[in-house]
């Protein structure tokens, strides 16, 4: 049977992993040439920006939102 201390240490390890992933995703999205966490993926004329990987940005944004919600609750 796990003790309370072991359970809390396990939860703390999960918290640290979530924080690291949140920071890594934020760093990826805010790197040079990237649109940021909430920047537009299209230009002024409505065409997709040609210099970014749209799927990678959308996936990273989704993971960031999910991890942030899980981290807060």
PDB file of N, CA and C in Angstrom:
ATOM      1  N   UNK A   1       0.846  -1.182   0.000  1.00  0.00           N
ATOM      2  CA  UNK A   1       0.000   0.000   0.000  1.00  0.00           C
ATOM      3  C   UNK A   1       0.890   1.242   0.000  1.00  0.00           C
ATOM      4  N   UNK A   2       0.573   2.187  -0.855  1.00  0.00           N
ATOM      5  CA  UNK A   2       1.347   3.420  -0.941  1.00  0.00           C
ATOM      6  C   UNK A   2       0.989   4.338   0.214  1.00  0.00           C
ATOM      7  N   UNK A   3       2.025   4.984   0.714  1.00  0.00           N
ATOM      8  CA  UNK A   3       1.796   5.965   1.748  1.00  0.00           C
ATOM      9  C   UNK A   3       1.447   7.312   1.141  1.00  0.00           C
ATOM     10  N   UNK A   4       1.009   8.199   1.990  1.00  0.00           N
ATOM     11  CA  UNK A   4       0.633   9.543   1.546  1.00  0.00           C
ATOM     12  C   UNK A   4       1.823  10.264   0.934  1.00  0.00           C
ATOM     13  N   UNK A   5       2.993  10.082   1.533  1.00  0.00           N
ATOM     14  CA  UNK A   5       4.200  10.747   1.018  1.00  0.00           C
ATOM     15  C   UNK A   5       4.513  10.283  -0.397  1.00  0.00           C
ATOM     16  N   UNK A   6       4.459   8.984  -0.643  1.00  0.00           N
ATOM     17  CA  UNK A   6       4.736   8.448  -1.984  1.00  0.00           C
ATOM     18  C   UNK A   6       3.724   8.967  -2.999  1.00  0.00           C
ATOM     19  N   UNK A   7       2.464   9.037  -2.597  1.00  0.00           N
ATOM     20  CA  UNK A   7       1.414   9.539  -3.479  1.00  0.00           C
ATOM     21  C   UNK A   7       1.666  11.003  -3.833  1.00  0.00           C
ATOM     22  N   UNK A   8       2.022  11.801  -2.839  1.00  0.00           N
ATOM     23  CA  UNK A   8       2.293  13.218  -3.095  1.00  0.00           C
ATOM     24  C   UNK A   8       3.533  13.413  -3.963  1.00  0.00           C
ATOM     25  N   UNK A   9       4.547  12.583  -3.757  1.00  0.00           N
ATOM     26  CA  UNK A   9       5.744  12.664  -4.607  1.00  0.00           C
ATOM     27  C   UNK A   9       5.420  12.307  -6.057  1.00  0.00           C
ATOM     28  N   UNK A  10       4.549  11.336  -6.237  1.00  0.00           N
ATOM     29  CA  UNK A  10       4.125  10.954  -7.592  1.00  0.00           C
ATOM     30  C   UNK A  10       3.343  12.084  -8.250  1.00  0.00           C
ATOM     31  N   UNK A  11       2.443  12.714  -7.492  1.00  0.00           N
ATOM     32  CA  UNK A  11       1.695  13.850  -8.031  1.00  0.00           C
ATOM     33  C   UNK A  11       2.616  15.012  -8.375  1.00  0.00           C
ATOM     34  N   UNK A  12       3.621  15.251  -7.546  1.00  0.00           N
ATOM     35  CA  UNK A  12       4.564  16.332  -7.816  1.00  0.00           C
ATOM     36  C   UNK A  12       5.366  16.051  -9.083  1.00  0.00           C
ATOM     37  N   UNK A  13       5.731  14.796  -9.287  1.00  0.00           N
ATOM     38  CA  UNK A  13       6.458  14.424 -10.506  1.00  0.00           C
ATOM     39  C   UNK A  13       5.595  14.686 -11.745  1.00  0.00           C
ATOM     40  N   UNK A  14       4.311  14.331 -11.675  1.00  0.00           N
ATOM     41  CA  UNK A  14       3.399  14.583 -12.794  1.00  0.00           C
ATOM     42  C   UNK A  14       3.238  16.083 -13.037  1.00  0.00           C
ATOM     43  N   UNK A  15       3.161  16.858 -11.952  1.00  0.00           N
ATOM     44  CA  UNK A  15       3.041  18.319 -12.076  1.00  0.00           C
ATOM     45  C   UNK A  15       4.259  18.897 -12.787  1.00  0.00           C
ATOM     46  N   UNK A  16       5.448  18.446 -12.401  1.00  0.00           N
ATOM     47  CA  UNK A  16       6.677  18.942 -13.030  1.00  0.00           C
ATOM     48  C   UNK A  16       6.731  18.575 -14.514  1.00  0.00           C
ATOM     49  N   UNK A  17       6.274  17.370 -14.854  1.00  0.00           N
ATOM     50  CA  UNK A  17       6.238  16.953 -16.263  1.00  0.00           C
ATOM     51  C   UNK A  17       5.286  17.824 -17.067  1.00  0.00           C
ATOM     52  N   UNK A  18       4.118  18.131 -16.484  1.00  0.00           N
ATOM     53  CA  UNK A  18       3.148  18.985 -17.174  1.00  0.00           C
ATOM     54  C   UNK A  18       3.705  20.393 -17.362  1.00  0.00           C
ATOM     55  N   UNK A  19       4.359  20.923 -16.330  1.00  0.00           N
ATOM     56  CA  UNK A  19       4.944  22.258 -16.441  1.00  0.00           C
ATOM     57  C   UNK A  19       6.004  22.300 -17.530  1.00  0.00           C
ATOM     58  N   UNK A  20       6.833  21.268 -17.598  1.00  0.00           N
ATOM     59  CA  UNK A  20       7.880  21.216 -18.619  1.00  0.00           C
ATOM     60  C   UNK A  20       7.264  21.184 -20.016  1.00  0.00           C
ATOM     61  N   UNK A  21       6.217  20.378 -20.197  1.00  0.00           N
ATOM     62  CA  UNK A  21       5.580  20.311 -21.512  1.00  0.00           C
ATOM     63  C   UNK A  21       4.931  21.646 -21.870  1.00  0.00           C
ATOM     64  N   UNK A  22       4.303  22.309 -20.904  1.00  0.00           N
ATOM     65  CA  UNK A  22       3.697  23.619 -21.148  1.00  0.00           C
ATOM     66  C   UNK A  22       4.764  24.624 -21.578  1.00  0.00           C
ATOM     67  N   UNK A  23       5.893  24.638 -20.880  1.00  0.00           N
ATOM     68  CA  UNK A  23       6.973  25.568 -21.241  1.00  0.00           C
ATOM     69  C   UNK A  23       7.569  25.232 -22.601  1.00  0.00           C
ATOM     70  N   UNK A  24       7.748  23.945 -22.890  1.00  0.00           N
ATOM     71  CA  UNK A  24       8.292  23.536 -24.191  1.00  0.00           C
ATOM     72  C   UNK A  24       7.359  23.938 -25.337  1.00  0.00           C
ATOM     73  N   UNK A  25       6.063  23.734 -25.160  1.00  0.00           N
ATOM     74  CA  UNK A  25       5.098  24.106 -26.195  1.00  0.00           C
ATOM     75  C   UNK A  25       5.074  25.620 -26.395  1.00  0.00           C
ATOM     76  N   UNK A  26       5.137  26.365 -25.296  1.00  0.00           N
ATOM     77  CA  UNK A  26       5.158  27.821 -25.399  1.00  0.00           C
ATOM     78  C   UNK A  26       6.421  28.294 -26.109  1.00  0.00           C
ATOM     79  N   UNK A  27       7.555  27.689 -25.784  1.00  0.00           N
ATOM     80  CA  UNK A  27       8.803  28.045 -26.468  1.00  0.00           C
ATOM     81  C   UNK A  27       8.719  27.760 -27.959  1.00  0.00           C
ATOM     82  N   UNK A  28       8.135  26.621 -28.335  1.00  0.00           N
ATOM     83  CA  UNK A  28       7.988  26.266 -29.744  1.00  0.00           C
ATOM     84  C   UNK A  28       7.116  27.283 -30.472  1.00  0.00           C
ATOM     85  N   UNK A  29       5.999  27.639 -29.859  1.00  0.00           N
ATOM     86  CA  UNK A  29       5.054  28.544 -30.508  1.00  0.00           C
ATOM     87  C   UNK A  29       5.548  29.980 -30.586  1.00  0.00           C
ATOM     88  N   UNK A  30       6.436  30.367 -29.677  1.00  0.00           N
ATOM     89  CA  UNK A  30       6.924  31.753 -29.660  1.00  0.00           C
ATOM     90  C   UNK A  30       8.323  31.889 -30.247  1.00  0.00           C
ATOM     91  N   UNK A  31       8.829  30.849 -30.890  1.00  0.00           N
ATOM     92  CA  UNK A  31      10.143  30.916 -31.531  1.00  0.00           C
ATOM     93  C   UNK A  31      10.101  31.883 -32.711  1.00  0.00           C
ATOM     94  N   UNK A  32      11.261  32.287 -33.181  1.00  0.00           N
ATOM     95  CA  UNK A  32      11.334  33.197 -34.328  1.00  0.00           C
ATOM     96  C   UNK A  32      10.629  32.598 -35.541  1.00  0.00           C
ATOM     97  N   UNK A  33       9.798  33.410 -36.170  1.00  0.00           N
ATOM     98  CA  UNK A  33       9.083  32.979 -37.361  1.00  0.00           C
ATOM     99  C   UNK A  33       7.787  32.240 -37.092  1.00  0.00           C
ATOM    100  N   UNK A  34       7.480  31.994 -35.830  1.00  0.00           N
ATOM    101  CA  UNK A  34       6.246  31.299 -35.477  1.00  0.00           C
ATOM    102  C   UNK A  34       5.166  32.324 -35.119  1.00  0.00           C
ATOM    103  N   UNK A  35       3.893  31.947 -35.248  1.00  0.00           N
ATOM    104  CA  UNK A  35       2.813  32.904 -35.017  1.00  0.00           C
ATOM    105  C   UNK A  35       2.484  33.161 -33.549  1.00  0.00           C
ATOM    106  N   UNK A  36       3.082  32.423 -32.643  1.00  0.00           N
ATOM    107  CA  UNK A  36       2.790  32.620 -31.230  1.00  0.00           C
ATOM    108  C   UNK A  36       1.631  31.760 -30.771  1.00  0.00           C
ATOM    109  N   UNK A  37       1.212  31.992 -29.557  1.00  0.00           N
ATOM    110  CA  UNK A  37       0.158  31.184 -28.954  1.00  0.00           C
ATOM    111  C   UNK A  37      -1.197  31.468 -29.580  1.00  0.00           C
ATOM    112  N   UNK A  38      -1.438  32.712 -29.980  1.00  0.00           N
ATOM    113  CA  UNK A  38      -2.750  33.042 -30.537  1.00  0.00           C
ATOM    114  C   UNK A  38      -2.678  33.869 -31.814  1.00  0.00           C
ATOM    115  N   UNK A  39      -1.517  33.943 -32.434  1.00  0.00           N
ATOM    116  CA  UNK A  39      -1.368  34.715 -33.665  1.00  0.00           C
ATOM    117  C   UNK A  39      -2.069  34.060 -34.841  1.00  0.00           C
ATOM    118  N   UNK A  40      -2.290  34.831 -35.870  1.00  0.00           N
ATOM    119  CA  UNK A  40      -3.010  34.367 -37.050  1.00  0.00           C
ATOM    120  C   UNK A  40      -2.160  33.404 -37.883  1.00  0.00           C
ATOM    121  N   UNK A  41      -2.826  32.448 -38.487  1.00  0.00           N
ATOM    122  CA  UNK A  41      -2.169  31.501 -39.387  1.00  0.00           C
ATOM    123  C   UNK A  41      -2.407  31.854 -40.849  1.00  0.00           C
ATOM    124  N   UNK A  42      -3.079  32.964 -41.093  1.00  0.00           N
ATOM    125  CA  UNK A  42      -3.340  33.412 -42.457  1.00  0.00           C
ATOM    126  C   UNK A  42      -2.849  34.844 -42.629  1.00  0.00           C
ATOM    127  N   UNK A  43      -2.611  35.221 -43.888  1.00  0.00           N
ATOM    128  CA  UNK A  43      -2.161  36.589 -44.165  1.00  0.00           C
ATOM    129  C   UNK A  43      -3.369  37.510 -44.322  1.00  0.00           C
ATOM    130  N   UNK A  44      -3.107  38.761 -44.663  1.00  0.00           N
ATOM    131  CA  UNK A  44      -4.188  39.748 -44.773  1.00  0.00           C
ATOM    132  C   UNK A  44      -5.182  39.431 -45.884  1.00  0.00           C
ATOM    133  N   UNK A  45      -4.733  38.672 -46.873  1.00  0.00           N
ATOM    134  CA  UNK A  45      -5.604  38.323 -47.990  1.00  0.00           C
ATOM    135  C   UNK A  45      -6.384  37.027 -47.745  1.00  0.00           C
ATOM    136  N   UNK A  46      -6.133  36.380 -46.616  1.00  0.00           N
ATOM    137  CA  UNK A  46      -6.860  35.169 -46.270  1.00  0.00           C
ATOM    138  C   UNK A  46      -6.185  33.873 -46.671  1.00  0.00           C
ATOM    139  N   UNK A  47      -4.959  33.956 -47.157  1.00  0.00           N
ATOM    140  CA  UNK A  47      -4.224  32.755 -47.549  1.00  0.00           C
ATOM    141  C   UNK A  47      -3.389  32.253 -46.378  1.00  0.00           C
ATOM    142  N   UNK A  48      -3.162  30.935 -46.298  1.00  0.00           N
ATOM    143  CA  UNK A  48      -2.325  30.391 -45.220  1.00  0.00           C
ATOM    144  C   UNK A  48      -0.889  30.918 -45.331  1.00  0.00           C
ATOM    145  N   UNK A  49      -0.287  31.198 -44.187  1.00  0.00           N
ATOM    146  CA  UNK A  49       1.104  31.638 -44.194  1.00  0.00           C
ATOM    147  C   UNK A  49       1.970  30.505 -44.735  1.00  0.00           C
ATOM    148  N   UNK A  50       2.844  30.800 -45.697  1.00  0.00           N
ATOM    149  CA  UNK A  50       3.604  29.732 -46.349  1.00  0.00           C
ATOM    150  C   UNK A  50       4.823  29.242 -45.563  1.00  0.00           C
ATOM    151  N   UNK A  51       5.265  29.991 -44.590  1.00  0.00           N
ATOM    152  CA  UNK A  51       6.541  29.674 -43.949  1.00  0.00           C
ATOM    153  C   UNK A  51       6.411  28.925 -42.626  1.00  0.00           C
ATOM    154  N   UNK A  52       5.211  28.436 -42.294  1.00  0.00           N
ATOM    155  CA  UNK A  52       5.044  27.702 -41.043  1.00  0.00           C
ATOM    156  C   UNK A  52       4.331  26.379 -41.278  1.00  0.00           C
ATOM    157  N   UNK A  53       4.542  25.444 -40.374  1.00  0.00           N
ATOM    158  CA  UNK A  53       3.877  24.143 -40.423  1.00  0.00           C
ATOM    159  C   UNK A  53       2.559  24.284 -39.658  1.00  0.00           C
ATOM    160  N   UNK A  54       1.485  24.448 -40.405  1.00  0.00           N
ATOM    161  CA  UNK A  54       0.182  24.723 -39.795  1.00  0.00           C
ATOM    162  C   UNK A  54      -0.280  23.602 -38.873  1.00  0.00           C
ATOM    163  N   UNK A  55      -0.057  22.368 -39.282  1.00  0.00           N
ATOM    164  CA  UNK A  55      -0.497  21.236 -38.456  1.00  0.00           C
ATOM    165  C   UNK A  55       0.279  21.196 -37.147  1.00  0.00           C
ATOM    166  N   UNK A  56       1.566  21.461 -37.200  1.00  0.00           N
ATOM    167  CA  UNK A  56       2.373  21.453 -35.978  1.00  0.00           C
ATOM    168  C   UNK A  56       1.944  22.566 -35.027  1.00  0.00           C
ATOM    169  N   UNK A  57       1.626  23.738 -35.566  1.00  0.00           N
ATOM    170  CA  UNK A  57       1.184  24.858 -34.735  1.00  0.00           C
ATOM    171  C   UNK A  57      -0.166  24.547 -34.106  1.00  0.00           C
ATOM    172  N   UNK A  58      -1.096  24.029 -34.893  1.00  0.00           N
ATOM    173  CA  UNK A  58      -2.428  23.717 -34.347  1.00  0.00           C
ATOM    174  C   UNK A  58      -2.344  22.613 -33.304  1.00  0.00           C
ATOM    175  N   UNK A  59      -1.513  21.605 -33.549  1.00  0.00           N
ATOM    176  CA  UNK A  59      -1.348  20.520 -32.583  1.00  0.00           C
ATOM    177  C   UNK A  59      -0.728  21.035 -31.290  1.00  0.00           C
ATOM    178  N   UNK A  60       0.303  21.872 -31.415  1.00  0.00           N
ATOM    179  CA  UNK A  60       0.950  22.433 -30.232  1.00  0.00           C
ATOM    180  C   UNK A  60      -0.010  23.319 -29.450  1.00  0.00           C
ATOM    181  N   UNK A  61      -0.802  24.109 -30.139  1.00  0.00           N
ATOM    182  CA  UNK A  61      -1.784  24.963 -29.455  1.00  0.00           C
ATOM    183  C   UNK A  61      -2.811  24.117 -28.711  1.00  0.00           C
ATOM    184  N   UNK A  62      -3.273  23.049 -29.354  1.00  0.00           N
ATOM    185  CA  UNK A  62      -4.252  22.174 -28.717  1.00  0.00           C
ATOM    186  C   UNK A  62      -3.663  21.523 -27.465  1.00  0.00           C
ATOM    187  N   UNK A  63      -2.445  20.996 -27.571  1.00  0.00           N
ATOM    188  CA  UNK A  63      -1.802  20.376 -26.410  1.00  0.00           C
ATOM    189  C   UNK A  63      -1.589  21.392 -25.292  1.00  0.00           C
ATOM    190  N   UNK A  64      -1.216  22.602 -25.665  1.00  0.00           N
ATOM    191  CA  UNK A  64      -0.999  23.648 -24.669  1.00  0.00           C
ATOM    192  C   UNK A  64      -2.298  23.969 -23.931  1.00  0.00           C
ATOM    193  N   UNK A  65      -3.387  24.097 -24.661  1.00  0.00           N
ATOM    194  CA  UNK A  65      -4.675  24.386 -24.037  1.00  0.00           C
ATOM    195  C   UNK A  65      -5.105  23.233 -23.122  1.00  0.00           C
ATOM    196  N   UNK A  66      -4.985  22.015 -23.607  1.00  0.00           N
ATOM    197  CA  UNK A  66      -5.377  20.847 -22.798  1.00  0.00           C
ATOM    198  C   UNK A  66      -4.530  20.730 -21.539  1.00  0.00           C
ATOM    199  N   UNK A  67      -3.219  20.877 -21.674  1.00  0.00           N
ATOM    200  CA  UNK A  67      -2.337  20.763 -20.518  1.00  0.00           C
ATOM    201  C   UNK A  67      -2.564  21.886 -19.520  1.00  0.00           C
ATOM    202  N   UNK A  68      -2.831  23.086 -20.008  1.00  0.00           N
ATOM    203  CA  UNK A  68      -3.091  24.204 -19.122  1.00  0.00           C
ATOM    204  C   UNK A  68      -4.377  23.959 -18.331  1.00  0.00           C
ATOM    205  N   UNK A  69      -5.410  23.463 -18.998  1.00  0.00           N
ATOM    206  CA  UNK A  69      -6.667  23.166 -18.295  1.00  0.00           C
ATOM    207  C   UNK A  69      -6.469  22.072 -17.256  1.00  0.00           C
ATOM    208  N   UNK A  70      -5.743  21.008 -17.613  1.00  0.00           N
ATOM    209  CA  UNK A  70      -5.489  19.937 -16.664  1.00  0.00           C
ATOM    210  C   UNK A  70      -4.636  20.405 -15.500  1.00  0.00           C
ATOM    211  N   UNK A  71      -3.687  21.279 -15.784  1.00  0.00           N
ATOM    212  CA  UNK A  71      -2.778  21.775 -14.752  1.00  0.00           C
ATOM    213  C   UNK A  71      -3.544  22.645 -13.739  1.00  0.00           C
ATOM    214  N   UNK A  72      -4.491  23.406 -14.228  1.00  0.00           N
ATOM    215  CA  UNK A  72      -5.221  24.307 -13.345  1.00  0.00           C
ATOM    216  C   UNK A  72      -6.260  23.586 -12.485  1.00  0.00           C
ATOM    217  N   UNK A  73      -6.719  22.411 -12.931  1.00  0.00           N
ATOM    218  CA  UNK A  73      -7.769  21.725 -12.179  1.00  0.00           C
ATOM    219  C   UNK A  73      -7.347  20.407 -11.675  1.00  0.00           C
TER     220      UNK A  73
END
